[in-house]
Protein backbone atom coordinates (compact mmCIF):
# COMPACT_ATOMS: atom_id res chain seq x y z
CA MET A 1 132.67 97.37 114.74
CA GLU A 2 129.29 95.87 114.71
CA TYR A 3 128.27 98.78 112.52
CA ILE A 4 131.18 98.23 110.02
CA LYS A 5 130.08 94.22 110.03
CA ALA A 6 126.18 95.13 109.52
CA PHE A 7 127.23 97.67 106.72
CA LEU A 8 128.95 95.08 105.19
CA VAL A 9 127.06 91.85 105.19
CA GLY A 10 123.70 94.37 104.29
CA GLY A 11 125.99 95.54 101.68
CA ALA A 12 127.12 92.17 100.27
CA ILE A 13 124.01 91.26 100.16
CA CYS A 14 122.45 93.82 98.18
CA ALA A 15 125.40 93.79 95.68
CA VAL A 16 124.41 90.12 94.92
CA VAL A 17 120.60 91.59 94.22
CA GLN A 18 121.92 94.09 92.04
CA ILE A 19 123.95 91.69 90.07
CA LEU A 20 120.92 89.37 89.82
CA LEU A 21 118.84 92.41 88.32
CA ASP A 22 121.51 93.51 85.79
CA ASN A 23 122.66 89.98 84.67
CA THR A 24 119.25 88.45 84.18
CA LYS A 25 115.88 88.82 82.83
CA LEU A 26 114.51 88.50 86.61
CA MET A 27 112.05 90.92 87.49
CA PRO A 28 112.00 93.01 90.75
CA GLY A 29 109.10 91.28 92.30
CA ARG A 30 110.69 87.89 91.30
CA VAL A 31 114.14 88.14 93.22
CA MET A 32 112.33 89.57 96.28
CA VAL A 33 110.41 86.35 96.43
CA ILE A 34 113.98 84.37 95.84
CA LEU A 35 115.24 86.12 98.83
CA VAL A 36 112.64 85.52 101.16
CA VAL A 37 112.29 82.23 100.40
CA THR A 38 116.26 82.06 100.67
CA GLY A 39 115.99 83.53 104.13
CA THR A 40 113.08 80.91 105.19
CA ILE A 41 115.38 77.91 103.92
CA LEU A 42 118.28 79.02 105.78
CA GLY A 43 116.64 79.40 108.50
CA ALA A 44 114.92 75.93 108.22
CA LEU A 45 118.53 74.04 107.99
CA GLY A 46 119.60 76.25 110.85
CA ILE A 47 122.12 78.61 109.24
CA TYR A 48 120.52 81.66 109.35
CA GLU A 49 120.17 82.32 113.08
CA PRO A 50 123.83 82.12 113.66
CA PHE A 51 124.77 84.54 110.89
CA THR A 52 121.81 86.96 111.75
CA GLU A 53 123.70 87.13 115.43
CA TRP A 54 127.27 87.36 114.19
CA ALA A 55 126.44 89.74 111.16
CA GLY A 56 123.32 91.82 113.67
CA ALA A 57 120.98 94.16 111.23
CA GLY A 58 123.15 93.16 108.17
CA ALA A 59 121.38 90.08 107.98
CA GLY A 60 118.25 90.93 109.81
CA VAL A 61 117.04 94.14 107.88
CA PRO A 62 116.96 92.39 104.20
CA LEU A 63 113.93 90.55 102.96
CA THR A 64 116.40 87.15 103.73
CA GLY A 65 115.65 88.71 107.58
CA PHE A 66 112.03 88.46 106.58
CA GLY A 67 111.87 85.08 105.23
CA ASN A 68 113.51 84.18 108.25
CA ALA A 69 111.40 85.67 110.52
CA LEU A 70 108.18 83.89 108.75
CA PHE A 71 110.28 80.67 109.31
CA LYS A 72 110.40 81.15 112.98
CA GLY A 73 107.15 82.38 113.90
CA VAL A 74 105.57 79.49 111.76
CA LYS A 75 108.02 76.85 113.57
CA GLU A 76 106.58 78.27 116.86
CA ALA A 77 103.52 78.39 116.23
CA ILE A 78 103.40 74.69 115.06
CA ASP A 79 105.00 73.75 118.35
CA LYS A 80 102.17 75.71 120.75
CA GLU A 81 98.84 75.25 118.08
CA GLY A 82 99.65 72.46 115.64
CA PHE A 83 98.44 72.68 112.26
CA ILE A 84 96.64 75.74 112.06
CA GLY A 85 99.97 77.27 113.53
CA ILE A 86 101.03 77.00 109.34
CA PHE A 87 98.45 79.99 108.68
CA LYS A 88 98.58 81.76 111.75
CA GLY A 89 102.56 81.53 112.41
CA GLY A 90 104.02 83.83 109.71
CA PHE A 91 101.77 86.57 110.49
CA THR A 92 102.12 86.93 114.39
CA ALA A 93 105.77 87.08 113.88
CA SER A 94 105.85 89.73 110.91
CA ALA A 95 103.03 91.75 112.19
CA VAL A 96 104.65 94.82 113.40
CA GLY A 97 106.71 94.71 109.90
CA ILE A 98 103.64 94.14 107.86
CA SER A 99 101.73 96.89 109.56
CA ALA A 100 104.44 99.11 109.02
CA THR A 101 105.04 98.59 105.40
CA LEU A 102 100.97 99.03 104.56
CA ILE A 103 100.98 102.54 106.99
CA PHE A 104 104.41 103.79 105.55
CA SER A 105 103.25 103.23 101.82
CA TYR A 106 99.90 104.31 102.26
CA ILE A 107 101.55 108.06 103.64
CA ALA A 108 104.04 107.89 100.61
CA SER A 109 101.05 107.76 98.28
CA TRP A 110 100.24 111.24 99.83
CA PHE A 111 103.06 112.70 98.30
CA PHE A 112 103.98 110.91 94.90
CA ASP A 113 102.12 110.50 92.14
CA SER A 114 101.96 107.19 90.27
CA LYS A 115 103.81 106.62 86.90
CA MET A 116 100.84 104.61 85.39
CA LYS A 117 100.44 104.28 81.17
CA SER A 118 97.20 105.01 80.37
């Protein structure tokens, strides 16, 4: 049942994003920023954590989950280190995800050519 719930929640988030992309003039990068900021705001309001516990990976994997992870990292770092935690917390909390993205993107660049206009 957990897999079905995660699939449905993740699919619903993706469906909302697809509707935004199809029916507005928002560029994909801006939609991604909207997702991260939404996750951060919902985390700050205390809404996203219970939602993630209920929905599992369906809420934790999309970019809204990344925004929530950034918020939690910054909050913990501020509690431990004060003002400097604003700058360190997000990187500490999401270092593994950012590193994996960089590594896999670099590996993908070996196999695929960019289609830049000349």
